[in-house]
Protein backbone atom coordinates (compact mmCIF):
# COMPACT_ATOMS: atom_id res chain seq x y z
CA MET A 1 72.41 134.38 84.43
CA ILE A 2 71.29 137.82 85.93
CA PRO A 3 71.77 141.18 84.33
CA VAL A 4 73.83 143.92 85.52
CA ASN A 5 75.03 142.21 88.57
CA ARG A 6 78.30 141.54 89.71
CA SER A 7 77.75 137.89 90.62
CA SER A 8 76.34 137.32 87.01
CA VAL A 9 79.69 136.02 85.63
CA ARG A 10 79.89 133.34 88.60
CA ARG A 11 76.11 132.35 87.94
CA ALA A 12 76.61 131.97 84.17
CA ARG A 13 78.59 128.64 84.88
CA GLY A 14 75.53 126.74 85.73
CA PRO A 15 74.53 123.62 84.01
CA LEU A 16 73.12 124.10 80.39
CA ALA A 17 69.97 123.02 79.01
CA PRO A 18 69.50 119.49 77.96
CA ILE A 19 69.97 119.71 74.10
CA GLY A 20 71.29 117.24 71.30
CA LEU A 21 70.99 116.43 67.68
CA GLY A 22 73.49 114.71 65.67
CA ALA A 23 75.33 116.67 63.03
CA LEU A 24 74.39 114.46 60.17
CA ALA A 25 75.83 115.77 56.79
CA LEU A 26 73.44 116.03 53.94
CA LEU A 27 73.85 117.24 50.29
CA SER A 28 74.69 120.96 50.23
CA LEU A 29 71.81 123.27 50.03
CA LEU A 30 71.77 125.45 47.17
CA PRO A 31 72.33 129.03 48.51
CA GLY A 32 69.67 131.88 47.49
CA THR A 33 70.77 134.03 44.78
CA LEU A 34 71.08 137.51 45.41
CA PRO A 35 68.83 139.89 43.89
CA ALA A 36 70.59 142.00 41.12
CA ALA A 37 69.67 145.28 42.80
CA ALA A 38 71.24 144.19 46.14
CA GLN A 39 74.80 143.00 44.55
CA PRO A 40 77.66 144.59 46.50
CA VAL A 41 78.36 148.05 45.26
CA ALA A 42 81.54 148.22 43.19
CA ALA A 43 82.81 145.40 45.08
CA ALA A 44 86.36 145.25 43.58
CA GLN A 45 88.46 142.48 44.89
CA PRO A 46 86.28 141.17 47.60
CA ARG A 47 87.50 138.42 49.63
CA ALA A 48 86.11 134.93 48.70
CA ALA A 49 83.86 133.50 51.47
CA ALA A 50 84.98 130.12 52.90
CA PRO A 51 82.87 127.33 51.68
CA LEU A 52 80.16 126.10 54.22
CA PRO A 53 80.34 122.85 55.48
CA PRO A 54 77.67 120.35 54.54
CA PRO A 55 74.36 121.26 56.34
CA THR A 56 73.33 119.26 59.25
CA ARG A 57 69.91 117.39 59.15
CA GLY A 58 68.38 120.17 61.29
CA GLU A 59 69.68 122.98 59.16
CA HIS A 60 68.50 121.07 56.07
CA LEU A 61 64.93 120.97 57.79
CA ALA A 62 65.05 124.62 58.79
CA SER A 63 66.09 125.70 55.45
CA ALA A 64 63.36 123.61 53.73
CA ARG A 65 60.94 125.27 56.13
CA LEU A 66 61.84 128.93 55.26
CA ALA A 67 61.93 128.11 51.69
CA ALA A 68 58.15 126.87 51.89
CA ILE A 69 56.72 129.81 53.84
CA ARG A 70 58.37 132.65 52.21
CA ASN A 71 54.88 133.80 50.95
CA ASP A 72 53.04 133.11 54.12
CA PRO A 73 53.29 136.30 56.14
CA ALA A 74 51.96 134.61 59.51
CA ALA A 75 54.16 131.59 59.28
CA LEU A 76 57.19 133.95 58.49
CA SER A 77 56.39 136.02 61.52
CA ALA A 78 56.30 132.80 63.84
CA PHE A 79 59.64 131.52 62.18
CA PHE A 80 61.48 134.84 62.60
CA THR A 81 60.18 135.27 66.37
CA ALA A 82 61.13 131.78 67.16
CA LEU A 83 64.61 131.84 65.25
CA PRO A 84 67.59 132.22 67.99
CA LYS A 85 68.98 135.60 67.05
CA GLY A 86 72.25 135.93 69.24
CA GLY A 87 72.44 139.32 70.98
CA ASP A 88 71.70 142.88 70.50
CA LEU A 89 75.03 144.92 70.41
CA HIS A 90 73.75 148.39 69.34
CA ASN A 91 70.79 149.34 71.61
CA HIS A 92 70.05 152.65 73.24
CA LEU A 93 68.19 151.98 76.39
CA SER A 94 66.20 155.25 76.41
CA GLY A 95 65.09 154.61 72.85
CA ALA A 96 64.70 150.81 73.19
CA VAL A 97 61.82 150.90 75.88
CA SER A 98 58.26 150.61 74.22
CA THR A 99 56.66 153.95 73.98
CA GLU A 100 53.49 152.86 75.66
CA TYR A 101 55.38 151.90 78.76
CA LEU A 102 57.09 155.16 78.73
CA ILE A 103 53.49 156.78 78.84
CA SER A 104 52.53 154.45 81.87
CA LEU A 105 55.83 155.58 83.72
CA ALA A 106 55.19 159.09 83.14
CA ALA A 107 51.62 158.83 84.45
CA ASP A 108 52.95 156.76 87.58
CA ASP A 109 55.27 159.58 88.20
CA GLY A 110 52.72 162.36 87.96
CA LEU A 111 54.46 164.08 84.93
CA CYS A 112 52.95 166.31 82.89
CA ILE A 113 52.88 166.94 78.91
CA VAL A 114 53.21 170.14 77.40
CA GLU A 115 50.38 170.25 74.62
CA ARG A 116 52.24 172.43 72.32
CA THR A 117 55.36 170.42 72.23
CA LEU A 118 54.11 167.07 73.66
CA THR A 119 57.34 167.18 76.03
CA ALA A 120 57.13 165.35 79.49
CA VAL A 121 57.98 167.84 82.15
CA PRO A 122 57.93 167.83 86.16
CA PRO A 123 54.69 168.81 87.85
CA VAL A 124 52.69 171.10 88.56
CA CYS A 125 50.13 170.53 85.60
CA GLY A 126 47.55 173.12 84.37
CA ALA A 127 47.18 175.65 81.74
CA ASP A 128 49.20 174.00 78.64
CA ARG A 129 50.62 171.27 80.73
CA ARG A 130 48.19 168.23 80.79
CA PRO A 131 48.69 165.28 83.21
CA ALA A 132 50.41 162.50 81.51
CA SER A 133 47.73 160.23 82.89
CA ASP A 134 45.44 161.74 80.21
CA ALA A 135 47.22 159.79 77.76
CA LEU A 136 45.98 156.64 79.28
CA THR A 137 42.14 157.58 78.92
CA ASP A 138 41.98 160.19 76.08
CA ALA A 139 42.66 158.32 72.80
CA ALA A 140 43.40 161.33 70.54
CA PHE A 141 45.99 162.58 73.31
CA ARG A 142 47.48 159.13 73.51
CA ARG A 143 47.90 158.96 69.64
CA ALA A 144 49.55 162.33 69.47
CA VAL A 145 51.99 161.52 72.25
CA LEU A 146 52.83 158.24 70.57
CA ARG A 147 53.44 159.97 67.10
CA ALA A 148 55.70 162.55 69.01
CA TRP A 149 57.77 160.14 71.17
CA SER A 150 58.44 157.58 68.38
CA MET A 151 58.08 157.01 64.57
CA GLN A 152 54.41 155.93 64.74
CA ASP A 153 52.41 156.86 61.55
CA PHE A 154 55.37 159.05 60.24
CA PRO A 155 54.38 159.93 56.69
CA PRO A 156 56.41 157.65 54.16
CA GLY A 157 58.62 159.18 51.82
CA ARG A 158 59.55 162.00 54.07
CA SER A 159 63.06 162.19 55.74
CA GLY A 160 62.47 161.17 59.36
CA HIS A 161 65.95 162.54 60.46
CA ASP A 162 64.89 165.30 62.46
CA HIS A 163 61.71 163.75 63.98
CA PHE A 164 63.58 160.55 65.14
CA PHE A 165 66.29 162.52 67.11
CA ASP A 166 63.69 165.12 68.47
CA THR A 167 61.84 162.22 70.36
CA PHE A 168 64.54 161.83 73.03
CA GLY A 169 64.07 165.30 74.43
CA LYS A 170 60.44 164.88 74.47
CA PHE A 171 60.57 161.72 76.94
CA ASP A 172 63.87 162.42 78.40
CA GLU A 173 62.10 163.50 81.69
CA VAL A 174 60.61 159.84 81.98
CA THR A 175 63.81 157.67 81.00
CA ARG A 176 66.17 159.44 83.25
CA ARG A 177 64.17 158.67 86.44
CA HIS A 178 63.95 154.63 86.02
CA ARG A 179 66.82 153.14 84.37
CA GLY A 180 66.03 149.85 86.20
CA LYS A 181 62.43 149.71 84.95
CA LEU A 182 63.49 150.77 81.56
CA LEU A 183 65.91 147.61 81.49
CA ALA A 184 63.39 145.28 82.75
CA ASP A 185 60.98 146.29 79.77
CA VAL A 186 63.89 145.80 77.35
CA ALA A 187 65.40 142.67 78.65
CA ASP A 188 62.09 141.25 78.72
CA THR A 189 61.93 141.94 75.01
CA VAL A 190 65.07 140.54 74.31
CA ALA A 191 64.33 137.31 76.09
CA ARG A 192 60.93 136.98 74.05
CA GLN A 193 62.62 137.57 70.80
CA ASN A 194 64.84 134.63 71.51
CA GLN A 195 68.03 136.57 72.10
CA PHE A 196 70.64 135.69 74.91
CA TYR A 197 72.60 138.79 75.48
CA LEU A 198 72.25 142.49 75.67
CA GLU A 199 74.68 145.51 75.43
CA THR A 200 72.81 148.63 75.98
CA MET A 201 73.85 152.33 76.07
CA VAL A 202 73.30 154.82 78.86
CA THR A 203 75.23 157.96 80.15
CA PRO A 204 76.78 157.22 83.55
CA ALA A 205 77.12 160.04 85.97
CA SER A 206 75.82 162.47 83.61
CA ASP A 207 75.46 165.58 85.84
CA GLY A 208 78.83 164.84 87.55
CA ALA A 209 80.69 164.59 84.33
CA ARG A 210 79.38 167.86 83.09
CA ILE A 211 80.37 169.77 86.14
CA LEU A 212 83.74 168.14 86.54
CA ALA A 213 84.45 168.98 82.60
CA ASP A 214 83.16 172.69 83.14
CA GLU A 215 85.23 172.96 86.34
CA VAL A 216 88.36 171.56 84.58
CA GLY A 217 87.92 173.47 81.28
CA TRP A 218 89.53 172.66 77.80
CA ASP A 219 93.28 171.83 77.33
CA GLU A 220 94.86 170.88 73.99
CA ASP A 221 97.38 168.84 75.74
CA LEU A 222 95.27 165.57 76.30
CA ALA A 223 97.82 164.10 78.88
CA ARG A 224 97.63 167.27 80.89
CA LEU A 225 93.65 167.47 80.66
CA HIS A 226 93.72 163.94 81.67
CA ARG A 227 95.81 164.48 84.73
CA LYS A 228 93.60 167.46 85.81
CA LEU A 229 90.53 165.12 85.61
CA LEU A 230 92.34 162.72 87.91
CA ALA A 231 93.80 165.50 90.40
CA GLY A 232 92.39 164.88 93.84
CA GLY A 233 90.49 161.70 92.92
CA LYS A 234 87.89 163.57 90.95
CA LEU A 235 87.60 161.33 88.17
CA ASP A 236 87.53 158.18 90.57
CA GLU A 237 84.63 160.12 92.36
CA LEU A 238 82.94 159.66 89.11
CA VAL A 239 83.51 156.10 88.77
CA ALA A 240 82.06 155.49 92.14
CA GLU A 241 79.04 157.59 91.54
CA ALA A 242 78.42 155.50 88.27
CA SER A 243 78.79 152.30 90.15
CA ARG A 244 76.38 153.44 92.75
CA GLU A 245 74.02 154.48 89.99
CA THR A 246 74.24 151.24 88.62
CA ASP A 247 73.76 149.34 91.82
CA ALA A 248 70.52 151.19 92.29
CA SER A 249 69.44 150.38 88.72
CA ASP A 250 70.24 146.71 89.32
CA ALA A 251 67.90 146.78 92.34
CA GLU A 252 65.18 148.66 90.51
CA PHE A 253 65.29 146.15 87.77
CA ARG A 254 65.24 142.93 89.99
CA THR A 255 62.21 144.45 91.65
CA ALA A 256 60.46 145.34 88.22
CA ALA A 257 61.23 142.14 86.69
CA ARG A 258 60.61 140.14 89.87
CA CYS A 259 63.77 138.13 89.51
CA GLY A 260 64.49 135.44 92.05
CA THR A 261 60.72 134.80 92.55
CA PRO A 262 58.54 132.19 91.04
CA ARG A 263 57.01 134.78 88.89
CA ALA A 264 60.57 136.09 87.36
CA GLU A 265 60.29 137.68 84.16
CA PRO A 266 62.20 136.09 81.01
CA GLY A 267 64.52 139.14 81.17
CA CYS A 268 66.21 138.15 84.47
CA ARG A 269 67.93 135.34 82.46
CA VAL A 270 69.48 137.78 80.00
CA PRO A 271 73.20 138.77 80.79
CA VAL A 272 73.58 142.43 80.29
CA ARG A 273 76.47 144.79 79.82
CA TRP A 274 76.43 148.54 79.55
CA ILE A 275 78.26 150.70 77.20
CA SER A 276 78.82 154.26 78.20
CA GLN A 277 77.51 156.90 75.71
CA VAL A 278 79.42 160.05 74.96
CA SER A 279 77.51 163.09 73.73
CA ARG A 280 79.49 164.01 70.69
CA GLY A 281 77.68 167.42 69.94
CA SER A 282 79.07 168.68 73.61
CA SER A 283 81.99 170.76 74.14
CA PRO A 284 85.43 169.05 73.76
CA GLU A 285 86.25 169.18 77.54
CA ARG A 286 82.87 167.37 78.16
CA VAL A 287 83.46 164.95 75.25
CA PHE A 288 86.81 163.90 76.76
CA THR A 289 85.59 163.76 80.28
CA GLN A 290 82.90 161.43 79.33
CA MET A 291 85.32 159.15 77.39
CA ALA A 292 87.73 159.18 80.22
CA LEU A 293 84.87 158.23 82.68
CA GLY A 294 83.60 155.44 80.31
CA LEU A 295 86.95 153.78 79.71
CA ARG A 296 87.95 154.11 83.32
CA LEU A 297 84.58 152.56 84.43
CA ALA A 298 84.89 149.85 81.95
CA GLU A 299 88.26 148.82 83.41
CA ARG A 300 86.84 149.24 87.06
CA ASP A 301 83.35 147.59 87.04
CA GLU A 302 82.75 144.59 85.13
CA ARG A 303 79.24 145.53 84.18
CA PHE A 304 80.66 148.11 81.95
CA VAL A 305 82.44 147.40 78.70
CA ALA A 306 82.82 150.18 76.47
CA VAL A 307 82.39 153.80 75.40
CA ASN A 308 80.41 154.97 72.15
CA PRO A 309 79.79 158.56 70.93
CA VAL A 310 76.07 159.18 70.35
CA GLN A 311 74.00 162.09 68.89
CA PRO A 312 73.61 162.97 65.19
CA GLU A 313 76.93 162.45 63.45
CA ASP A 314 76.04 165.20 61.09
CA GLY A 315 75.59 167.81 63.86
CA ASP A 316 77.69 170.88 63.48
CA SER A 317 79.70 170.31 66.51
CA SER A 318 80.05 166.56 65.74
CA LEU A 319 81.55 167.39 62.19
CA ARG A 320 83.82 170.09 63.35
CA ASN A 321 85.32 168.12 66.18
CA TYR A 322 85.32 164.50 64.64
CA ARG A 323 88.85 164.19 64.04
CA LEU A 324 89.75 165.88 67.46
CA GLN A 325 87.46 163.33 69.08
CA MET A 326 89.29 160.25 67.32
CA ARG A 327 92.46 161.71 68.72
CA MET A 328 91.11 161.69 72.15
CA LEU A 329 90.14 158.05 71.85
CA ASP A 330 93.63 157.45 70.61
CA TYR A 331 95.14 158.88 73.60
CA LEU A 332 92.80 157.31 75.99
CA HIS A 333 93.13 153.87 74.62
CA ARG A 334 96.85 153.85 75.41
CA VAL A 335 95.69 154.88 79.00
CA TYR A 336 92.86 152.34 79.18
CA PRO A 337 93.83 149.58 76.74
CA LYS A 338 91.34 146.98 78.43
CA ALA A 339 88.36 148.75 77.77
CA HIS A 340 86.52 148.39 74.56
CA ILE A 341 85.68 150.93 72.00
CA THR A 342 82.68 150.87 69.80
CA LEU A 343 81.71 154.22 67.63
CA HIS A 344 78.86 155.54 65.69
CA ALA A 345 80.54 156.25 62.39
CA GLY A 346 79.36 156.62 58.98
CA GLU A 347 75.77 157.22 59.72
CA LEU A 348 75.94 159.73 56.95
CA TRP A 349 74.68 159.99 53.37
CA PRO A 350 75.14 162.28 50.43
CA GLY A 351 72.83 165.31 50.59
CA LEU A 352 72.81 165.15 54.51
CA VAL A 353 76.58 166.37 54.71
CA LYS A 354 79.08 167.78 52.16
CA PRO A 355 80.90 165.23 50.14
CA GLU A 356 84.20 165.89 52.14
CA ASP A 357 82.41 164.67 55.27
CA LEU A 358 81.66 161.36 53.82
CA ALA A 359 85.38 160.57 52.83
CA PHE A 360 86.71 159.89 56.21
CA HIS A 361 84.63 159.02 59.38
CA ILE A 362 84.77 155.11 59.13
CA GLY A 363 88.54 155.21 58.30
CA GLU A 364 89.29 157.65 61.45
CA ALA A 365 87.42 155.36 63.81
CA VAL A 366 89.08 152.29 62.73
CA ASN A 367 92.61 153.60 62.15
CA VAL A 368 92.63 156.48 64.91
CA GLY A 369 89.85 155.77 67.29
CA HIS A 370 90.68 152.17 67.70
CA ALA A 371 87.04 150.91 66.93
CA GLU A 372 86.45 147.33 67.54
CA ARG A 373 83.07 147.63 66.15
CA ILE A 374 81.34 150.41 63.91
CA GLY A 375 77.68 151.37 64.31
CA HIS A 376 75.86 152.03 61.16
CA GLY A 377 78.65 152.53 58.65
CA VAL A 378 76.39 153.24 55.70
CA ASP A 379 78.60 155.65 53.83
CA LEU A 380 81.18 152.86 53.32
CA VAL A 381 81.65 153.47 49.50
CA HIS A 382 82.03 157.19 49.87
CA GLU A 383 84.99 156.88 52.08
CA ASP A 384 88.57 157.41 50.71
CA ASP A 385 90.09 154.22 49.24
CA TRP A 386 87.01 152.38 50.64
CA GLN A 387 88.16 148.99 49.29
CA ARG A 388 91.42 148.85 51.35
CA LEU A 389 89.18 149.96 54.40
CA ALA A 390 86.91 147.22 54.00
CA ARG A 391 89.73 144.91 53.75
CA THR A 392 91.35 146.23 56.93
CA MET A 393 88.16 145.90 58.92
CA ALA A 394 88.04 142.35 57.67
CA ASP A 395 91.43 141.50 58.59
CA ARG A 396 91.09 143.08 62.10
CA GLN A 397 87.55 141.50 62.38
CA VAL A 398 86.04 145.09 63.05
CA ALA A 399 82.28 144.35 63.19
CA VAL A 400 79.51 146.50 61.68
CA GLU A 401 76.31 146.94 63.60
CA VAL A 402 73.48 147.09 61.16
CA PRO A 403 70.03 148.37 62.32
CA PHE A 404 68.15 148.46 58.99
CA THR A 405 64.93 150.16 60.06
CA SER A 406 66.87 152.85 61.77
CA ASN A 407 69.09 153.46 58.59
CA ALA A 408 65.75 153.66 56.59
CA GLN A 409 64.12 156.06 58.86
CA ILE A 410 66.86 158.41 59.63
CA LEU A 411 68.71 158.53 56.28
CA GLY A 412 66.32 156.91 53.82
CA VAL A 413 68.99 154.14 53.08
CA LYS A 414 67.64 150.76 52.39
CA GLY A 415 67.77 147.83 49.91
CA ALA A 416 70.38 147.95 47.11
CA ASP A 417 71.66 151.52 48.54
CA HIS A 418 72.89 150.01 51.87
CA PRO A 419 76.38 148.59 52.02
CA PHE A 420 75.25 145.28 53.65
CA THR A 421 76.22 142.92 50.78
CA THR A 422 79.34 145.08 50.24
CA TYR A 423 80.46 144.36 53.82
CA ARG A 424 79.75 140.75 53.65
CA ALA A 425 81.43 140.45 50.24
CA TYR A 426 84.77 141.85 51.70
CA GLY A 427 84.51 139.40 54.67
CA VAL A 428 83.59 142.14 57.30
CA PRO A 429 81.81 140.76 60.18
CA VAL A 430 78.21 141.97 60.15
CA VAL A 431 75.58 141.91 63.24
CA LEU A 432 72.01 142.88 63.04
CA ALA A 433 70.90 145.21 65.74
CA THR A 434 67.72 147.31 66.74
CA ASP A 435 69.41 150.64 67.62
CA ASP A 436 66.14 152.36 69.23
CA PRO A 437 63.27 149.80 68.74
CA GLY A 438 61.03 151.74 70.80
CA VAL A 439 61.27 154.88 68.74
CA SER A 440 61.55 152.74 65.49
CA ARG A 441 58.40 150.64 66.31
CA THR A 442 60.23 147.61 65.43
CA ASP A 443 62.17 144.52 66.74
CA ILE A 444 65.22 142.18 66.12
CA SER A 445 62.72 139.83 64.40
CA HIS A 446 61.72 142.40 61.79
CA GLU A 447 65.34 143.04 61.07
CA TYR A 448 66.25 139.61 60.54
CA ARG A 449 63.07 139.13 58.36
CA TYR A 450 64.12 142.19 56.40
CA ALA A 451 67.62 140.89 55.65
CA ALA A 452 66.37 137.43 54.72
CA ARG A 453 63.63 139.04 52.14
CA THR A 454 65.88 142.00 50.79
CA TYR A 455 69.06 140.00 50.26
CA ASP A 456 67.75 136.59 49.64
CA LEU A 457 69.50 135.07 52.62
CA GLY A 458 69.02 131.53 53.50
CA TYR A 459 68.71 129.81 57.00
CA ARG A 460 72.47 129.18 57.35
CA GLU A 461 73.25 132.70 56.63
CA LEU A 462 70.73 134.00 58.99
CA LYS A 463 71.99 131.43 61.61
CA ASP A 464 75.70 132.81 61.02
CA LEU A 465 74.35 136.55 61.60
CA ALA A 466 73.18 135.45 64.96
CA ARG A 467 76.28 133.61 65.82
CA ALA A 468 78.23 136.80 65.02
CA SER A 469 76.24 139.02 67.29
CA LEU A 470 77.74 136.76 70.14
CA GLU A 471 81.12 136.26 68.57
CA TYR A 472 81.76 140.09 68.32
CA ALA A 473 80.14 140.69 71.86
CA PHE A 474 82.22 142.29 74.54
CA LEU A 475 81.66 139.53 76.78
CA PRO A 476 84.63 138.25 78.84
CA GLY A 477 86.37 135.04 78.07
CA ALA A 478 87.20 132.96 75.12
CA GLY A 479 84.74 132.00 72.53
CA ILE A 480 83.76 128.45 71.02
CA TRP A 481 84.59 129.44 67.63
CA ARG A 482 88.02 128.99 65.92
CA GLY A 483 89.94 131.63 64.34
CA ASN A 484 88.14 134.28 62.16
CA PRO A 485 84.75 132.61 61.65
CA THR A 486 83.68 135.42 59.30
CA ARG A 487 86.29 134.49 56.95
CA ASP A 488 86.71 130.77 57.65
CA GLY A 489 83.19 129.60 58.82
CA TYR A 490 81.93 128.78 62.34
CA ARG A 491 84.16 125.77 63.28
CA LEU A 492 84.41 124.81 67.16
CA THR A 493 87.47 125.72 68.66
CA GLY A 494 90.06 123.05 70.11
CA PRO A 495 88.63 122.54 73.36
CA CYS A 496 85.13 121.96 71.89
CA ARG A 497 85.98 120.70 68.59
CA HIS A 498 85.09 116.98 69.42
CA SER A 499 81.62 118.15 70.85
CA SER A 500 78.32 118.72 68.97
CA PRO A 501 77.48 122.52 69.35
CA GLY A 502 74.92 123.00 72.05
CA ALA A 503 74.99 119.48 73.40
CA ASP A 504 74.23 119.06 76.96
CA ASN A 505 77.26 116.49 77.59
CA PRO A 506 80.10 118.32 75.82
CA ARG A 507 83.62 116.73 76.33
CA PRO A 508 85.55 117.58 79.72
CA GLN A 509 87.86 120.04 78.07
CA CYS A 510 85.01 121.81 76.33
CA ARG A 511 83.05 121.76 79.61
CA ARG A 512 85.91 123.47 81.44
CA LEU A 513 85.89 126.34 78.77
CA LEU A 514 82.21 126.60 79.27
CA ASP A 515 82.60 126.95 82.99
CA THR A 516 85.20 129.59 82.97
CA SER A 517 83.99 131.72 79.99
CA PRO A 518 80.95 133.85 79.96
CA LYS A 519 81.28 134.30 76.38
CA ALA A 520 81.63 130.52 75.55
CA GLN A 521 78.56 129.97 78.03
CA VAL A 522 76.14 132.10 76.07
CA GLN A 523 77.37 130.92 72.77
CA TRP A 524 76.93 127.41 73.86
CA HIS A 525 73.36 128.35 75.11
CA GLN A 526 72.49 129.71 71.63
CA GLU A 527 73.62 126.61 69.89
CA ALA A 528 71.48 124.58 72.06
CA ALA A 529 68.61 126.76 71.23
CA PHE A 530 69.47 126.37 67.38
CA VAL A 531 69.03 122.48 67.93
CA ALA A 532 65.77 123.02 69.72
CA PHE A 533 64.50 125.26 66.98
CA GLU A 534 65.75 123.02 64.11
CA ARG A 535 64.42 119.91 65.97
CA ARG A 536 60.56 121.22 65.76
CA PHE A 537 60.76 121.02 61.87
CA ALA A 538 61.41 117.27 61.90
CA THR A 539 57.71 116.81 62.29
CA THR A 540 56.47 119.99 60.37
CA ARG A 541 55.55 119.46 56.68
CA ALA A 542 57.72 121.62 54.62
CA ASP A 543 55.08 122.18 52.07
């Protein structure tokens, strides 16, 4: 499968890797007991989880291995790196690339870095503007740039909120020039972390959208405002511009990753979809224009799947216009019903905003903004009637994207304070994500390891978290799991129910599903990877 390429869906239908272990039923494993400090917060009337089916022999072996190495850091690191971990659904491309690579790109482009602010700027260098290439040879300067462009060495115990968000403006001059090279770096990391799919956020046709929004201006009548954007084909010109922009990114990506050559990078195999960012802190007309562009683009270009507002949710404009922005999405959803919506919502915490601002953001996103997934969702228990909201999210299968490291760095929320166990107790789908791993100096293996250690998760629970990250992805086609897997467990659907998950020889009706559904294809590939992962422990001593 080739990322960001119109032929990727066709290419996704090739043969699967040969895998196969029988599903031998053993005695049920005793689940890990959740530490008292991490029990669900005020989890009144949570939904009872469906009983897990008996573990397979492979699951039994992997579970035993994980239990045996819990106090062995090196072995744990290897285990979680090798663990198949689904897809990353909450990933900002500019913040996901490694900071070291950004420095190299800045040097290659001959950029300068302002010494006082450590911000990358175009040439000419001189006076207080040092060549970015100096950061390749001057160790002290390099450390300073790393710290300014990421959370490297950020003092523990201090709020990282402002520093985290400030990093993007410092390296923006680098990231806006090379979307394809950034993707090559990130997709390669995804593949090496044993993930099989990526949805990453970018801002398409950014300058054109800004110019069009300023030209049209604000109109409280959203239907009339939308007509103004469409008039004379202006919005369609932006859609075409965004597609051309993505064509160029595709080409740069394939060159940087050497796709189609004997030395192709692993990232060439990762299917990628784009999510259109919306700058929620901008003026209402710019926000609406970016939303309309992103949703129209998702219905016209299969490489794009959704929109998502970004920038600090606690910013003055974001708070002031939050309900208005949800109404914008409500209107545009009716115009573009096939496009997906995933929303940063509830990335707030007491002390950061007034209590009244904690009471409605997730609820508005779900009930007005038509969110199919929620990013962060940290302030759940501060929402009005949050138990009903959690049950609504469970019923509608509105997944929550959880980046633990980001939540800790930006909001200081971790461990028992995080609503991770509360969402799970109510049957709300949860997927682990990285957010901005380049800025955070983390990776998805760390997020899984943190979840296992902090909430005492066993192997089968980690396996289902990985499955959820593909089940709730915006890939087209039917999946391989039946009904509501978060509530009912991951059981194969009709066409595949008589086949072993990940087998290289599924029955004909299952093969037809895999041949026609990109989503099913990726899910089956992960199941094959699980079988291979578990098989290695058949010859590994558990003690």
